[in-house]
Amino acid sequence: MPNSGQKVQALWSAGFRFWSYRSYPDAEPLPDRMQDVDDFMRRNPKHPMRIAP
């Protein structure tokens, strides 16, 4: 079973960063589970927390 460190690493490697959503209240929250990461990345190529594709 993957741990949260793997989820964070996958998101970080894909260009997602972890700062406050206060400025982006309508942005989809980052996924809670590793099994949701790939689908989240496909749906959010221009997510405000993503600095690079």
PDB file of N, CA and C in Angstrom:
ATOM      1  N   MET A   1       0.852  -1.184   0.000  1.00  0.00           N
ATOM      2  CA  MET A   1       0.000   0.000   0.000  1.00  0.00           C
ATOM      3  C   MET A   1       0.888   1.234   0.000  1.00  0.00           C
ATOM      4  N   PRO A   2       0.702   2.160  -0.953  1.00  0.00           N
ATOM      5  CA  PRO A   2       1.529   3.357  -1.023  1.00  0.00           C
ATOM      6  C   PRO A   2       1.299   4.263   0.173  1.00  0.00           C
ATOM      7  N   ASN A   3       2.337   4.952   0.584  1.00  0.00           N
ATOM      8  CA  ASN A   3       2.176   5.868   1.704  1.00  0.00           C
ATOM      9  C   ASN A   3       2.030   7.300   1.202  1.00  0.00           C
ATOM     10  N   SER A   4       1.750   8.223   2.115  1.00  0.00           N
ATOM     11  CA  SER A   4       1.524   9.614   1.718  1.00  0.00           C
ATOM     12  C   SER A   4       2.785  10.243   1.144  1.00  0.00           C
ATOM     13  N   GLY A   5       3.963   9.751   1.537  1.00  0.00           N
ATOM     14  CA  GLY A   5       5.208  10.265   0.969  1.00  0.00           C
ATOM     15  C   GLY A   5       5.289  10.006  -0.528  1.00  0.00           C
ATOM     16  N   GLN A   6       4.805   8.866  -0.966  1.00  0.00           N
ATOM     17  CA  GLN A   6       4.786   8.555  -2.400  1.00  0.00           C
ATOM     18  C   GLN A   6       3.811   9.462  -3.138  1.00  0.00           C
ATOM     19  N   LYS A   7       2.690   9.749  -2.525  1.00  0.00           N
ATOM     20  CA  LYS A   7       1.700  10.642  -3.130  1.00  0.00           C
ATOM     21  C   LYS A   7       2.292  12.039  -3.281  1.00  0.00           C
ATOM     22  N   VAL A   8       2.904  12.547  -2.237  1.00  0.00           N
ATOM     23  CA  VAL A   8       3.515  13.873  -2.272  1.00  0.00           C
ATOM     24  C   VAL A   8       4.619  13.919  -3.321  1.00  0.00           C
ATOM     25  N   GLN A   9       5.447  12.893  -3.387  1.00  0.00           N
ATOM     26  CA  GLN A   9       6.533  12.850  -4.375  1.00  0.00           C
ATOM     27  C   GLN A   9       5.983  12.834  -5.798  1.00  0.00           C
ATOM     28  N   ALA A  10       4.924  12.078  -6.036  1.00  0.00           N
ATOM     29  CA  ALA A  10       4.326  12.021  -7.375  1.00  0.00           C
ATOM     30  C   ALA A  10       3.782  13.387  -7.782  1.00  0.00           C
ATOM     31  N   LEU A  11       3.086  14.056  -6.870  1.00  0.00           N
ATOM     32  CA  LEU A  11       2.546  15.381  -7.165  1.00  0.00           C
ATOM     33  C   LEU A  11       3.672  16.395  -7.365  1.00  0.00           C
ATOM     34  N   TRP A  12       4.671  16.368  -6.489  1.00  0.00           N
ATOM     35  CA  TRP A  12       5.804  17.293  -6.585  1.00  0.00           C
ATOM     36  C   TRP A  12       6.540  17.105  -7.915  1.00  0.00           C
ATOM     37  N   SER A  13       6.783  15.873  -8.297  1.00  0.00           N
ATOM     38  CA  SER A  13       7.495  15.580  -9.545  1.00  0.00           C
ATOM     39  C   SER A  13       6.719  16.059 -10.770  1.00  0.00           C
ATOM     40  N   ALA A  14       5.393  16.108 -10.653  1.00  0.00           N
ATOM     41  CA  ALA A  14       4.548  16.564 -11.748  1.00  0.00           C
ATOM     42  C   ALA A  14       4.382  18.088 -11.744  1.00  0.00           C
ATOM     43  N   GLY A  15       5.040  18.772 -10.806  1.00  0.00           N
ATOM     44  CA  GLY A  15       5.014  20.232 -10.783  1.00  0.00           C
ATOM     45  C   GLY A  15       4.025  20.846  -9.811  1.00  0.00           C
ATOM     46  N   PHE A  16       3.341  20.031  -9.026  1.00  0.00           N
ATOM     47  CA  PHE A  16       2.399  20.581  -8.053  1.00  0.00           C
ATOM     48  C   PHE A  16       3.149  21.021  -6.810  1.00  0.00           C
ATOM     49  N   ARG A  17       2.712  22.147  -6.251  1.00  0.00           N
ATOM     50  CA  ARG A  17       3.306  22.672  -5.032  1.00  0.00           C
ATOM     51  C   ARG A  17       2.233  22.775  -3.963  1.00  0.00           C
ATOM     52  N   PHE A  18       2.646  22.939  -2.758  1.00  0.00           N
ATOM     53  CA  PHE A  18       1.745  22.818  -1.619  1.00  0.00           C
ATOM     54  C   PHE A  18       1.706  24.117  -0.821  1.00  0.00           C
ATOM     55  N   TRP A  19       0.909  25.078  -1.309  1.00  0.00           N
ATOM     56  CA  TRP A  19       0.726  26.307  -0.566  1.00  0.00           C
ATOM     57  C   TRP A  19      -0.757  26.502  -0.315  1.00  0.00           C
ATOM     58  N   SER A  20      -1.104  27.578   0.339  1.00  0.00           N
ATOM     59  CA  SER A  20      -2.475  27.832   0.759  1.00  0.00           C
ATOM     60  C   SER A  20      -3.430  27.973  -0.418  1.00  0.00           C
ATOM     61  N   TYR A  21      -4.624  27.454  -0.241  1.00  0.00           N
ATOM     62  CA  TYR A  21      -5.686  27.577  -1.241  1.00  0.00           C
ATOM     63  C   TYR A  21      -6.465  28.881  -1.066  1.00  0.00           C
ATOM     64  N   ARG A  22      -6.113  29.670  -0.094  1.00  0.00           N
ATOM     65  CA  ARG A  22      -6.860  30.890   0.202  1.00  0.00           C
ATOM     66  C   ARG A  22      -7.049  31.769  -1.033  1.00  0.00           C
ATOM     67  N   SER A  23      -6.037  31.872  -1.863  1.00  0.00           N
ATOM     68  CA  SER A  23      -6.122  32.691  -3.079  1.00  0.00           C
ATOM     69  C   SER A  23      -6.827  31.967  -4.225  1.00  0.00           C
ATOM     70  N   TYR A  24      -7.087  30.677  -4.062  1.00  0.00           N
ATOM     71  CA  TYR A  24      -7.686  29.857  -5.129  1.00  0.00           C
ATOM     72  C   TYR A  24      -8.856  29.036  -4.574  1.00  0.00           C
ATOM     73  N   PRO A  25      -9.900  29.688  -4.058  1.00  0.00           N
ATOM     74  CA  PRO A  25     -10.979  28.936  -3.404  1.00  0.00           C
ATOM     75  C   PRO A  25     -11.734  27.982  -4.330  1.00  0.00           C
ATOM     76  N   ASP A  26     -11.679  28.210  -5.636  1.00  0.00           N
ATOM     77  CA  ASP A  26     -12.402  27.343  -6.573  1.00  0.00           C
ATOM     78  C   ASP A  26     -11.550  26.205  -7.128  1.00  0.00           C
ATOM     79  N   ALA A  27     -10.285  26.161  -6.775  1.00  0.00           N
ATOM     80  CA  ALA A  27      -9.392  25.111  -7.277  1.00  0.00           C
ATOM     81  C   ALA A  27      -9.744  23.771  -6.646  1.00  0.00           C
ATOM     82  N   GLU A  28      -9.648  22.725  -7.454  1.00  0.00           N
ATOM     83  CA  GLU A  28      -9.883  21.372  -6.933  1.00  0.00           C
ATOM     84  C   GLU A  28      -8.791  21.048  -5.913  1.00  0.00           C
ATOM     85  N   PRO A  29      -9.168  20.558  -4.732  1.00  0.00           N
ATOM     86  CA  PRO A  29      -8.161  20.198  -3.726  1.00  0.00           C
ATOM     87  C   PRO A  29      -7.246  19.076  -4.223  1.00  0.00           C
ATOM     88  N   LEU A  30      -6.024  19.083  -3.752  1.00  0.00           N
ATOM     89  CA  LEU A  30      -5.096  18.001  -4.075  1.00  0.00           C
ATOM     90  C   LEU A  30      -5.681  16.691  -3.552  1.00  0.00           C
ATOM     91  N   PRO A  31      -5.410  15.580  -4.221  1.00  0.00           N
ATOM     92  CA  PRO A  31      -6.020  14.300  -3.820  1.00  0.00           C
ATOM     93  C   PRO A  31      -5.512  13.812  -2.463  1.00  0.00           C
ATOM     94  N   ASP A  32      -6.383  13.121  -1.758  1.00  0.00           N
ATOM     95  CA  ASP A  32      -6.037  12.542  -0.461  1.00  0.00           C
ATOM     96  C   ASP A  32      -5.378  11.178  -0.596  1.00  0.00           C
ATOM     97  N   ARG A  33      -5.666  10.486  -1.701  1.00  0.00           N
ATOM     98  CA  ARG A  33      -5.191   9.106  -1.846  1.00  0.00           C
ATOM     99  C   ARG A  33      -4.297   8.962  -3.070  1.00  0.00           C
ATOM    100  N   MET A  34      -3.296   8.133  -2.939  1.00  0.00           N
ATOM    101  CA  MET A  34      -2.364   7.861  -4.034  1.00  0.00           C
ATOM    102  C   MET A  34      -3.105   7.350  -5.267  1.00  0.00           C
ATOM    103  N   GLN A  35      -4.113   6.545  -5.074  1.00  0.00           N
ATOM    104  CA  GLN A  35      -4.839   5.965  -6.210  1.00  0.00           C
ATOM    105  C   GLN A  35      -5.578   7.026  -7.020  1.00  0.00           C
ATOM    106  N   ASP A  36      -5.744   8.222  -6.489  1.00  0.00           N
ATOM    107  CA  ASP A  36      -6.434   9.300  -7.196  1.00  0.00           C
ATOM    108  C   ASP A  36      -5.492  10.282  -7.890  1.00  0.00           C
ATOM    109  N   VAL A  37      -4.201  10.139  -7.701  1.00  0.00           N
ATOM    110  CA  VAL A  37      -3.229  11.116  -8.207  1.00  0.00           C
ATOM    111  C   VAL A  37      -3.218  11.194  -9.734  1.00  0.00           C
ATOM    112  N   ASP A  38      -3.139  10.083 -10.421  1.00  0.00           N
ATOM    113  CA  ASP A  38      -3.062  10.123 -11.891  1.00  0.00           C
ATOM    114  C   ASP A  38      -4.292  10.793 -12.499  1.00  0.00           C
ATOM    115  N   ASP A  39      -5.464  10.437 -12.011  1.00  0.00           N
ATOM    116  CA  ASP A  39      -6.691  11.032 -12.528  1.00  0.00           C
ATOM    117  C   ASP A  39      -6.732  12.530 -12.219  1.00  0.00           C
ATOM    118  N   PHE A  40      -6.332  12.913 -11.030  1.00  0.00           N
ATOM    119  CA  PHE A  40      -6.277  14.325 -10.652  1.00  0.00           C
ATOM    120  C   PHE A  40      -5.358  15.101 -11.597  1.00  0.00           C
ATOM    121  N   MET A  41      -4.190  14.565 -11.897  1.00  0.00           N
ATOM    122  CA  MET A  41      -3.243  15.249 -12.778  1.00  0.00           C
ATOM    123  C   MET A  41      -3.809  15.388 -14.194  1.00  0.00           C
ATOM    124  N   ARG A  42      -4.491  14.370 -14.684  1.00  0.00           N
ATOM    125  CA  ARG A  42      -5.102  14.456 -16.020  1.00  0.00           C
ATOM    126  C   ARG A  42      -6.188  15.527 -16.070  1.00  0.00           C
ATOM    127  N   ARG A  43      -6.963  15.647 -15.012  1.00  0.00           N
ATOM    128  CA  ARG A  43      -8.057  16.620 -14.985  1.00  0.00           C
ATOM    129  C   ARG A  43      -7.582  18.051 -14.743  1.00  0.00           C
ATOM    130  N   ASN A  44      -6.369  18.226 -14.251  1.00  0.00           N
ATOM    131  CA  ASN A  44      -5.909  19.542 -13.809  1.00  0.00           C
ATOM    132  C   ASN A  44      -4.575  19.978 -14.417  1.00  0.00           C
ATOM    133  N   PRO A  45      -4.473  20.016 -15.734  1.00  0.00           N
ATOM    134  CA  PRO A  45      -3.196  20.415 -16.333  1.00  0.00           C
ATOM    135  C   PRO A  45      -2.822  21.872 -16.045  1.00  0.00           C
ATOM    136  N   LYS A  46      -3.808  22.716 -15.747  1.00  0.00           N
ATOM    137  CA  LYS A  46      -3.538  24.133 -15.463  1.00  0.00           C
ATOM    138  C   LYS A  46      -3.945  24.519 -14.043  1.00  0.00           C
ATOM    139  N   HIS A  47      -3.868  23.585 -13.142  1.00  0.00           N
ATOM    140  CA  HIS A  47      -4.211  23.816 -11.747  1.00  0.00           C
ATOM    141  C   HIS A  47      -3.326  24.931 -11.189  1.00  0.00           C
ATOM    142  N   PRO A  48      -3.867  25.840 -10.372  1.00  0.00           N
ATOM    143  CA  PRO A  48      -3.068  26.960  -9.848  1.00  0.00           C
ATOM    144  C   PRO A  48      -1.908  26.520  -8.949  1.00  0.00           C
ATOM    145  N   MET A  49      -1.937  25.311  -8.446  1.00  0.00           N
ATOM    146  CA  MET A  49      -0.831  24.819  -7.619  1.00  0.00           C
ATOM    147  C   MET A  49       0.241  24.120  -8.451  1.00  0.00           C
ATOM    148  N   ARG A  50       0.056  24.092  -9.762  1.00  0.00           N
ATOM    149  CA  ARG A  50       1.002  23.403 -10.641  1.00  0.00           C
ATOM    150  C   ARG A  50       1.882  24.428 -11.345  1.00  0.00           C
ATOM    151  N   ILE A  51       3.192  24.288 -11.145  1.00  0.00           N
ATOM    152  CA  ILE A  51       4.124  25.233 -11.761  1.00  0.00           C
ATOM    153  C   ILE A  51       4.701  24.733 -13.065  1.00  0.00           C
ATOM    154  N   ALA A  52       4.562  23.434 -13.313  1.00  0.00           N
ATOM    155  CA  ALA A  52       5.095  22.840 -14.546  1.00  0.00           C
ATOM    156  C   ALA A  52       4.311  21.579 -14.873  1.00  0.00           C
ATOM    157  N   PRO A  53       4.127  21.301 -16.144  1.00  0.00           N
ATOM    158  CA  PRO A  53       3.428  20.058 -16.508  1.00  0.00           C
ATOM    159  C   PRO A  53       4.320  18.833 -16.342  1.00  0.00           C
TER     160      PRO A  53
END
